Amino acid sequence: AATAEVLPEIVRAVSGKTVIFVDGGIRSGVDVFKALALGADAVLIGRPFVSMVYGGEAQAV
């Protein structure tokens, strides 16, 4: 299942007892906004950095 599909259930299950970090499936600022709106406390983004390291240069960021 996609992160956005399961995140609300996770947020309900932990009920504020832990901090929720989302990583994976984040491709744009809109995805970051969605994850935060669905209850994530923080969003990790690795794709732009990995793309740049492997030859994407500035266009990958």
PDB file of N, CA and C in Angstrom:
ATOM      1  N   ALA A   1       0.845  -1.189   0.000  1.00  0.00           N
ATOM      2  CA  ALA A   1       0.000   0.000   0.000  1.00  0.00           C
ATOM      3  C   ALA A   1       0.887   1.249   0.000  1.00  0.00           C
ATOM      4  N   ALA A   2       0.366   2.291  -0.547  1.00  0.00           N
ATOM      5  CA  ALA A   2       1.100   3.557  -0.603  1.00  0.00           C
ATOM      6  C   ALA A   2       1.136   4.217   0.772  1.00  0.00           C
ATOM      7  N   THR A   3       2.166   4.994   1.002  1.00  0.00           N
ATOM      8  CA  THR A   3       2.330   5.691   2.277  1.00  0.00           C
ATOM      9  C   THR A   3       1.080   6.488   2.639  1.00  0.00           C
ATOM     10  N   ALA A   4       0.555   7.236   1.687  1.00  0.00           N
ATOM     11  CA  ALA A   4      -0.617   8.078   1.947  1.00  0.00           C
ATOM     12  C   ALA A   4      -1.842   7.254   2.319  1.00  0.00           C
ATOM     13  N   GLU A   5      -1.902   6.023   1.860  1.00  0.00           N
ATOM     14  CA  GLU A   5      -3.053   5.168   2.167  1.00  0.00           C
ATOM     15  C   GLU A   5      -3.016   4.654   3.603  1.00  0.00           C
ATOM     16  N   VAL A   6      -1.843   4.369   4.123  1.00  0.00           N
ATOM     17  CA  VAL A   6      -1.735   3.776   5.461  1.00  0.00           C
ATOM     18  C   VAL A   6      -1.414   4.786   6.562  1.00  0.00           C
ATOM     19  N   LEU A   7      -0.961   5.960   6.204  1.00  0.00           N
ATOM     20  CA  LEU A   7      -0.548   6.942   7.203  1.00  0.00           C
ATOM     21  C   LEU A   7      -1.656   7.315   8.188  1.00  0.00           C
ATOM     22  N   PRO A   8      -2.876   7.601   7.740  1.00  0.00           N
ATOM     23  CA  PRO A   8      -3.918   7.944   8.716  1.00  0.00           C
ATOM     24  C   PRO A   8      -4.161   6.837   9.748  1.00  0.00           C
ATOM     25  N   GLU A   9      -4.100   5.595   9.324  1.00  0.00           N
ATOM     26  CA  GLU A   9      -4.282   4.474  10.246  1.00  0.00           C
ATOM     27  C   GLU A   9      -3.142   4.418  11.271  1.00  0.00           C
ATOM     28  N   ILE A  10      -1.934   4.672  10.817  1.00  0.00           N
ATOM     29  CA  ILE A  10      -0.774   4.681  11.714  1.00  0.00           C
ATOM     30  C   ILE A  10      -0.903   5.811  12.727  1.00  0.00           C
ATOM     31  N   VAL A  11      -1.302   6.980  12.260  1.00  0.00           N
ATOM     32  CA  VAL A  11      -1.475   8.136  13.150  1.00  0.00           C
ATOM     33  C   VAL A  11      -2.493   7.805  14.241  1.00  0.00           C
ATOM     34  N   ARG A  12      -3.598   7.188  13.861  1.00  0.00           N
ATOM     35  CA  ARG A  12      -4.614   6.799  14.849  1.00  0.00           C
ATOM     36  C   ARG A  12      -4.067   5.760  15.819  1.00  0.00           C
ATOM     37  N   ALA A  13      -3.311   4.809  15.307  1.00  0.00           N
ATOM     38  CA  ALA A  13      -2.804   3.714  16.143  1.00  0.00           C
ATOM     39  C   ALA A  13      -1.815   4.199  17.200  1.00  0.00           C
ATOM     40  N   VAL A  14      -0.963   5.140  16.859  1.00  0.00           N
ATOM     41  CA  VAL A  14       0.044   5.593  17.832  1.00  0.00           C
ATOM     42  C   VAL A  14      -0.489   6.689  18.751  1.00  0.00           C
ATOM     43  N   SER A  15      -1.554   7.332  18.367  1.00  0.00           N
ATOM     44  CA  SER A  15      -2.241   8.329  19.207  1.00  0.00           C
ATOM     45  C   SER A  15      -1.296   9.311  19.888  1.00  0.00           C
ATOM     46  N   GLY A  16      -0.318   9.815  19.172  1.00  0.00           N
ATOM     47  CA  GLY A  16       0.589  10.809  19.729  1.00  0.00           C
ATOM     48  C   GLY A  16       1.642  10.259  20.677  1.00  0.00           C
ATOM     49  N   LYS A  17       1.747   8.942  20.790  1.00  0.00           N
ATOM     50  CA  LYS A  17       2.722   8.329  21.702  1.00  0.00           C
ATOM     51  C   LYS A  17       4.133   8.306  21.132  1.00  0.00           C
ATOM     52  N   THR A  18       4.259   8.573  19.865  1.00  0.00           N
ATOM     53  CA  THR A  18       5.572   8.591  19.222  1.00  0.00           C
ATOM     54  C   THR A  18       5.554   9.590  18.072  1.00  0.00           C
ATOM     55  N   VAL A  19       6.710   9.976  17.630  1.00  0.00           N
ATOM     56  CA  VAL A  19       6.837  10.888  16.495  1.00  0.00           C
ATOM     57  C   VAL A  19       6.808  10.057  15.219  1.00  0.00           C
ATOM     58  N   ILE A  20       6.085  10.531  14.224  1.00  0.00           N
ATOM     59  CA  ILE A  20       5.956   9.806  12.960  1.00  0.00           C
ATOM     60  C   ILE A  20       6.790  10.495  11.890  1.00  0.00           C
ATOM     61  N   PHE A  21       7.782   9.768  11.389  1.00  0.00           N
ATOM     62  CA  PHE A  21       8.601  10.217  10.266  1.00  0.00           C
ATOM     63  C   PHE A  21       8.164   9.433   9.036  1.00  0.00           C
ATOM     64  N   VAL A  22       7.973  10.109   7.927  1.00  0.00           N
ATOM     65  CA  VAL A  22       7.605   9.449   6.675  1.00  0.00           C
ATOM     66  C   VAL A  22       8.804   9.499   5.742  1.00  0.00           C
ATOM     67  N   ASP A  23       9.106   8.364   5.138  1.00  0.00           N
ATOM     68  CA  ASP A  23      10.187   8.282   4.160  1.00  0.00           C
ATOM     69  C   ASP A  23       9.773   7.263   3.116  1.00  0.00           C
ATOM     70  N   GLY A  24       9.856   7.631   1.870  1.00  0.00           N
ATOM     71  CA  GLY A  24       9.485   6.724   0.784  1.00  0.00           C
ATOM     72  C   GLY A  24       8.250   7.238   0.069  1.00  0.00           C
ATOM     73  N   GLY A  25       8.324   7.277  -1.236  1.00  0.00           N
ATOM     74  CA  GLY A  25       7.197   7.726  -2.034  1.00  0.00           C
ATOM     75  C   GLY A  25       7.050   9.240  -2.101  1.00  0.00           C
ATOM     76  N   ILE A  26       8.009   9.962  -1.575  1.00  0.00           N
ATOM     77  CA  ILE A  26       7.953  11.425  -1.582  1.00  0.00           C
ATOM     78  C   ILE A  26       8.741  11.923  -2.789  1.00  0.00           C
ATOM     79  N   ARG A  27       8.031  12.584  -3.708  1.00  0.00           N
ATOM     80  CA  ARG A  27       8.677  13.016  -4.942  1.00  0.00           C
ATOM     81  C   ARG A  27       8.612  14.527  -5.174  1.00  0.00           C
ATOM     82  N   SER A  28       7.788  15.211  -4.383  1.00  0.00           N
ATOM     83  CA  SER A  28       7.636  16.650  -4.607  1.00  0.00           C
ATOM     84  C   SER A  28       7.232  17.341  -3.309  1.00  0.00           C
ATOM     85  N   GLY A  29       7.226  18.656  -3.359  1.00  0.00           N
ATOM     86  CA  GLY A  29       6.768  19.425  -2.215  1.00  0.00           C
ATOM     87  C   GLY A  29       5.311  19.149  -1.890  1.00  0.00           C
ATOM     88  N   VAL A  30       4.526  18.871  -2.913  1.00  0.00           N
ATOM     89  CA  VAL A  30       3.116  18.531  -2.700  1.00  0.00           C
ATOM     90  C   VAL A  30       3.011  17.241  -1.887  1.00  0.00           C
ATOM     91  N   ASP A  31       3.871  16.264  -2.176  1.00  0.00           N
ATOM     92  CA  ASP A  31       3.876  15.019  -1.406  1.00  0.00           C
ATOM     93  C   ASP A  31       4.239  15.281   0.054  1.00  0.00           C
ATOM     94  N   VAL A  32       5.178  16.195   0.288  1.00  0.00           N
ATOM     95  CA  VAL A  32       5.548  16.564   1.657  1.00  0.00           C
ATOM     96  C   VAL A  32       4.332  17.159   2.361  1.00  0.00           C
ATOM     97  N   PHE A  33       3.665  18.084   1.702  1.00  0.00           N
ATOM     98  CA  PHE A  33       2.481  18.720   2.276  1.00  0.00           C
ATOM     99  C   PHE A  33       1.412  17.686   2.607  1.00  0.00           C
ATOM    100  N   LYS A  34       1.169  16.751   1.697  1.00  0.00           N
ATOM    101  CA  LYS A  34       0.155  15.713   1.930  1.00  0.00           C
ATOM    102  C   LYS A  34       0.496  14.870   3.150  1.00  0.00           C
ATOM    103  N   ALA A  35       1.757  14.459   3.254  1.00  0.00           N
ATOM    104  CA  ALA A  35       2.165  13.625   4.389  1.00  0.00           C
ATOM    105  C   ALA A  35       1.979  14.376   5.704  1.00  0.00           C
ATOM    106  N   LEU A  36       2.347  15.640   5.726  1.00  0.00           N
ATOM    107  CA  LEU A  36       2.163  16.443   6.938  1.00  0.00           C
ATOM    108  C   LEU A  36       0.678  16.629   7.243  1.00  0.00           C
ATOM    109  N   ALA A  37      -0.122  16.854   6.208  1.00  0.00           N
ATOM    110  CA  ALA A  37      -1.565  17.024   6.394  1.00  0.00           C
ATOM    111  C   ALA A  37      -2.223  15.746   6.898  1.00  0.00           C
ATOM    112  N   LEU A  38      -1.666  14.597   6.541  1.00  0.00           N
ATOM    113  CA  LEU A  38      -2.216  13.312   6.980  1.00  0.00           C
ATOM    114  C   LEU A  38      -1.726  12.909   8.366  1.00  0.00           C
ATOM    115  N   GLY A  39      -0.855  13.721   8.969  1.00  0.00           N
ATOM    116  CA  GLY A  39      -0.465  13.466  10.342  1.00  0.00           C
ATOM    117  C   GLY A  39       0.992  13.183  10.614  1.00  0.00           C
ATOM    118  N   ALA A  40       1.821  13.150   9.585  1.00  0.00           N
ATOM    119  CA  ALA A  40       3.255  12.937   9.816  1.00  0.00           C
ATOM    120  C   ALA A  40       3.830  14.135  10.566  1.00  0.00           C
ATOM    121  N   ASP A  41       4.793  13.866  11.427  1.00  0.00           N
ATOM    122  CA  ASP A  41       5.468  14.943  12.142  1.00  0.00           C
ATOM    123  C   ASP A  41       6.654  15.480  11.350  1.00  0.00           C
ATOM    124  N   ALA A  42       7.222  14.631  10.497  1.00  0.00           N
ATOM    125  CA  ALA A  42       8.366  15.022   9.674  1.00  0.00           C
ATOM    126  C   ALA A  42       8.400  14.153   8.430  1.00  0.00           C
ATOM    127  N   VAL A  43       9.021  14.676   7.384  1.00  0.00           N
ATOM    128  CA  VAL A  43       9.126  13.956   6.118  1.00  0.00           C
ATOM    129  C   VAL A  43      10.587  13.942   5.689  1.00  0.00           C
ATOM    130  N   LEU A  44      11.087  12.770   5.369  1.00  0.00           N
ATOM    131  CA  LEU A  44      12.466  12.605   4.912  1.00  0.00           C
ATOM    132  C   LEU A  44      12.458  12.450   3.394  1.00  0.00           C
ATOM    133  N   ILE A  45      13.406  13.086   2.732  1.00  0.00           N
ATOM    134  CA  ILE A  45      13.451  13.038   1.270  1.00  0.00           C
ATOM    135  C   ILE A  45      14.867  12.711   0.824  1.00  0.00           C
ATOM    136  N   GLY A  46      15.058  11.583   0.183  1.00  0.00           N
ATOM    137  CA  GLY A  46      16.374  11.194  -0.290  1.00  0.00           C
ATOM    138  C   GLY A  46      16.527  11.231  -1.796  1.00  0.00           C
ATOM    139  N   ARG A  47      15.426  11.110  -2.520  1.00  0.00           N
ATOM    140  CA  ARG A  47      15.475  10.988  -3.977  1.00  0.00           C
ATOM    141  C   ARG A  47      16.273  12.087  -4.672  1.00  0.00           C
ATOM    142  N   PRO A  48      16.073  13.368  -4.377  1.00  0.00           N
ATOM    143  CA  PRO A  48      16.836  14.393  -5.099  1.00  0.00           C
ATOM    144  C   PRO A  48      18.342  14.253  -4.912  1.00  0.00           C
ATOM    145  N   PHE A  49      18.757  13.888  -3.709  1.00  0.00           N
ATOM    146  CA  PHE A  49      20.185  13.756  -3.438  1.00  0.00           C
ATOM    147  C   PHE A  49      20.775  12.538  -4.134  1.00  0.00           C
ATOM    148  N   VAL A  50      20.047  11.439  -4.107  1.00  0.00           N
ATOM    149  CA  VAL A  50      20.521  10.225  -4.780  1.00  0.00           C
ATOM    150  C   VAL A  50      20.578  10.455  -6.282  1.00  0.00           C
ATOM    151  N   SER A  51      19.556  11.099  -6.839  1.00  0.00           N
ATOM    152  CA  SER A  51      19.535  11.374  -8.278  1.00  0.00           C
ATOM    153  C   SER A  51      20.717  12.238  -8.688  1.00  0.00           C
ATOM    154  N   MET A  52      21.033  13.226  -7.886  1.00  0.00           N
ATOM    155  CA  MET A  52      22.143  14.110  -8.221  1.00  0.00           C
ATOM    156  C   MET A  52      23.478  13.372  -8.141  1.00  0.00           C
ATOM    157  N   VAL A  53      23.644  12.547  -7.126  1.00  0.00           N
ATOM    158  CA  VAL A  53      24.886  11.786  -6.964  1.00  0.00           C
ATOM    159  C   VAL A  53      25.121  10.877  -8.163  1.00  0.00           C
ATOM    160  N   TYR A  54      24.048  10.317  -8.702  1.00  0.00           N
ATOM    161  CA  TYR A  54      24.192   9.368  -9.801  1.00  0.00           C
ATOM    162  C   TYR A  54      23.982   9.996 -11.167  1.00  0.00           C
ATOM    163  N   GLY A  55      24.285  11.278 -11.301  1.00  0.00           N
ATOM    164  CA  GLY A  55      24.347  11.883 -12.626  1.00  0.00           C
ATOM    165  C   GLY A  55      23.225  12.804 -13.011  1.00  0.00           C
ATOM    166  N   GLY A  56      22.296  13.084 -12.135  1.00  0.00           N
ATOM    167  CA  GLY A  56      21.193  13.963 -12.492  1.00  0.00           C
ATOM    168  C   GLY A  56      21.564  15.428 -12.484  1.00  0.00           C
ATOM    169  N   GLU A  57      22.673  15.752 -11.853  1.00  0.00           N
ATOM    170  CA  GLU A  57      23.144  17.126 -11.711  1.00  0.00           C
ATOM    171  C   GLU A  57      22.034  18.039 -11.187  1.00  0.00           C
ATOM    172  N   ALA A  58      22.051  19.301 -11.523  1.00  0.00           N
ATOM    173  CA  ALA A  58      21.101  20.266 -10.972  1.00  0.00           C
ATOM    174  C   ALA A  58      19.655  19.963 -11.370  1.00  0.00           C
ATOM    175  N   GLN A  59      19.438  19.336 -12.523  1.00  0.00           N
ATOM    176  CA  GLN A  59      18.083  19.039 -12.974  1.00  0.00           C
ATOM    177  C   GLN A  59      17.386  18.033 -12.063  1.00  0.00           C
ATOM    178  N   ALA A  60      18.143  17.261 -11.320  1.00  0.00           N
ATOM    179  CA  ALA A  60      17.558  16.238 -10.454  1.00  0.00           C
ATOM    180  C   ALA A  60      17.038  16.818  -9.148  1.00  0.00           C
ATOM    181  N   VAL A  61      17.482  18.014  -8.805  1.00  0.00           N
ATOM    182  CA  VAL A  61      17.106  18.585  -7.504  1.00  0.00           C
ATOM    183  C   VAL A  61      15.858  19.422  -7.635  1.00  0.00           C
TER     184      VAL A  61
END
